[in-house]
Amino acid sequence: GREAFGRALDEQPLMAHLLEDLEAESAAATLIAMRMARAFDEEEEGGHLARVGVPAAKFHVCKRQPQFVYECMEVLGGNGYVETW
């Protein structure tokens, strides 16, 4: 993995905090997708949750993902476009 200041990036306090935030956000997006799928399966409350929740969840996840991916790319650095990273 990448190193900075003689230590692996995941050992750096700020990077560890960023990785924890990214992990939590990824888990939250997965959880809301699964919850909306269950709402469709169960048609809770006449399907209101599915009807309102899916567009709201889609809006939130799609609005946040470009920044999420950008942060992931920053963590990886030059991986994918330089020979050594």
C-alpha atoms as a PDB file:
ATOM      1  CA  GLY A   1       0.000   0.000   0.000  1.00  0.00           C
ATOM      2  CA  ARG A   2       0.914   3.656  -0.120  1.00  0.00           C
ATOM      3  CA  GLU A   3       3.159   5.220   2.471  1.00  0.00           C
ATOM      4  CA  ALA A   4       3.614   8.761   3.697  1.00  0.00           C
ATOM      5  CA  PHE A   5       6.043   9.998   6.317  1.00  0.00           C
ATOM      6  CA  GLY A   6       7.405   6.485   6.824  1.00  0.00           C
ATOM      7  CA  ARG A   7       4.075   4.854   7.713  1.00  0.00           C
ATOM      8  CA  ALA A   8       1.290   3.180   5.771  1.00  0.00           C
ATOM      9  CA  LEU A   9      -1.532   5.561   4.926  1.00  0.00           C
ATOM     10  CA  ASP A  10      -4.074   3.652   6.976  1.00  0.00           C
ATOM     11  CA  GLU A  11      -1.852   4.192  10.022  1.00  0.00           C
ATOM     12  CA  GLN A  12      -2.064   7.979   9.636  1.00  0.00           C
ATOM     13  CA  PRO A  13      -4.789   9.381  11.950  1.00  0.00           C
ATOM     14  CA  LEU A  14      -6.486  11.627   9.388  1.00  0.00           C
ATOM     15  CA  MET A  15      -6.443   8.942   6.705  1.00  0.00           C
ATOM     16  CA  ALA A  16      -7.827   6.362   9.129  1.00  0.00           C
ATOM     17  CA  HIS A  17     -10.656   8.780   9.949  1.00  0.00           C
ATOM     18  CA  LEU A  18     -11.368   9.328   6.241  1.00  0.00           C
ATOM     19  CA  LEU A  19     -11.424   5.576   5.585  1.00  0.00           C
ATOM     20  CA  GLU A  20     -13.847   5.080   8.476  1.00  0.00           C
ATOM     21  CA  ASP A  21     -16.116   7.796   7.057  1.00  0.00           C
ATOM     22  CA  LEU A  22     -16.032   6.213   3.595  1.00  0.00           C
ATOM     23  CA  GLU A  23     -16.814   2.804   5.046  1.00  0.00           C
ATOM     24  CA  ALA A  24     -19.755   4.176   7.033  1.00  0.00           C
ATOM     25  CA  GLU A  25     -21.136   6.021   4.022  1.00  0.00           C
ATOM     26  CA  SER A  26     -20.860   2.945   1.824  1.00  0.00           C
ATOM     27  CA  ALA A  27     -22.623   0.822   4.444  1.00  0.00           C
ATOM     28  CA  ALA A  28     -25.376   3.433   4.821  1.00  0.00           C
ATOM     29  CA  ALA A  29     -26.005   3.549   1.057  1.00  0.00           C
ATOM     30  CA  THR A  30     -26.185  -0.255   0.939  1.00  0.00           C
ATOM     31  CA  LEU A  31     -28.513  -0.348   3.929  1.00  0.00           C
ATOM     32  CA  ILE A  32     -30.938   2.180   2.467  1.00  0.00           C
ATOM     33  CA  ALA A  33     -30.985   0.297  -0.851  1.00  0.00           C
ATOM     34  CA  MET A  34     -31.805  -2.944   0.946  1.00  0.00           C
ATOM     35  CA  ARG A  35     -34.459  -1.209   3.051  1.00  0.00           C
ATOM     36  CA  MET A  36     -36.155   0.207  -0.033  1.00  0.00           C
ATOM     37  CA  ALA A  37     -36.074  -3.223  -1.685  1.00  0.00           C
ATOM     38  CA  ARG A  38     -37.791  -4.682   1.384  1.00  0.00           C
ATOM     39  CA  ALA A  39     -40.391  -1.919   1.253  1.00  0.00           C
ATOM     40  CA  PHE A  40     -41.256  -2.990  -2.295  1.00  0.00           C
ATOM     41  CA  ASP A  41     -41.470  -6.633  -1.266  1.00  0.00           C
ATOM     42  CA  GLU A  42     -43.704  -5.974   1.718  1.00  0.00           C
ATOM     43  CA  GLU A  43     -45.658  -3.020   0.296  1.00  0.00           C
ATOM     44  CA  GLU A  44     -45.716  -1.425   3.733  1.00  0.00           C
ATOM     45  CA  GLU A  45     -48.422   1.111   4.474  1.00  0.00           C
ATOM     46  CA  GLY A  46     -49.923   0.799   1.032  1.00  0.00           C
ATOM     47  CA  GLY A  47     -46.542   1.223  -0.656  1.00  0.00           C
ATOM     48  CA  HIS A  48     -46.028   4.786   0.598  1.00  0.00           C
ATOM     49  CA  LEU A  49     -42.528   4.102   1.886  1.00  0.00           C
ATOM     50  CA  ALA A  50     -41.458   2.623  -1.441  1.00  0.00           C
ATOM     51  CA  ARG A  51     -43.117   5.417  -3.416  1.00  0.00           C
ATOM     52  CA  VAL A  52     -41.537   8.239  -1.408  1.00  0.00           C
ATOM     53  CA  GLY A  53     -38.439   6.572  -0.018  1.00  0.00           C
ATOM     54  CA  VAL A  54     -36.951   5.306  -3.260  1.00  0.00           C
ATOM     55  CA  PRO A  55     -36.756   8.708  -4.978  1.00  0.00           C
ATOM     56  CA  ALA A  56     -35.452  10.307  -1.776  1.00  0.00           C
ATOM     57  CA  ALA A  57     -32.817   7.595  -1.324  1.00  0.00           C
ATOM     58  CA  LYS A  58     -31.844   7.783  -4.992  1.00  0.00           C
ATOM     59  CA  PHE A  59     -31.488  11.561  -4.769  1.00  0.00           C
ATOM     60  CA  HIS A  60     -29.286  11.373  -1.676  1.00  0.00           C
ATOM     61  CA  VAL A  61     -27.074   8.539  -2.914  1.00  0.00           C
ATOM     62  CA  CYS A  62     -26.653   9.936  -6.438  1.00  0.00           C
ATOM     63  CA  LYS A  63     -25.973  13.441  -5.138  1.00  0.00           C
ATOM     64  CA  ARG A  64     -23.260  12.207  -2.775  1.00  0.00           C
ATOM     65  CA  GLN A  65     -21.532   9.579  -4.939  1.00  0.00           C
ATOM     66  CA  PRO A  66     -19.364  11.866  -7.112  1.00  0.00           C
ATOM     67  CA  GLN A  67     -17.737  13.312  -3.975  1.00  0.00           C
ATOM     68  CA  PHE A  68     -17.489   9.820  -2.469  1.00  0.00           C
ATOM     69  CA  VAL A  69     -15.686   8.490  -5.556  1.00  0.00           C
ATOM     70  CA  TYR A  70     -13.424  11.555  -5.646  1.00  0.00           C
ATOM     71  CA  GLU A  71     -12.387  10.911  -2.043  1.00  0.00           C
ATOM     72  CA  CYS A  72     -11.692   7.262  -2.888  1.00  0.00           C
ATOM     73  CA  MET A  73      -9.539   8.334  -5.840  1.00  0.00           C
ATOM     74  CA  GLU A  74      -7.573  10.676  -3.574  1.00  0.00           C
ATOM     75  CA  VAL A  75      -6.862   7.799  -1.206  1.00  0.00           C
ATOM     76  CA  LEU A  76      -5.616   5.602  -4.034  1.00  0.00           C
ATOM     77  CA  GLY A  77      -3.474   8.356  -5.510  1.00  0.00           C
ATOM     78  CA  GLY A  78      -2.061   7.539  -8.921  1.00  0.00           C
ATOM     79  CA  ASN A  79      -3.324   3.972  -9.013  1.00  0.00           C
ATOM     80  CA  GLY A  80      -4.415   3.262 -12.553  1.00  0.00           C
ATOM     81  CA  TYR A  81      -2.536   5.970 -14.390  1.00  0.00           C
ATOM     82  CA  VAL A  82       1.046   5.718 -13.158  1.00  0.00           C
ATOM     83  CA  GLU A  83       3.299   2.688 -13.137  1.00  0.00           C
ATOM     84  CA  THR A  84       4.334   2.885  -9.491  1.00  0.00           C
ATOM     85  CA  TRP A  85       1.978   4.020  -6.782  1.00  0.00           C
END
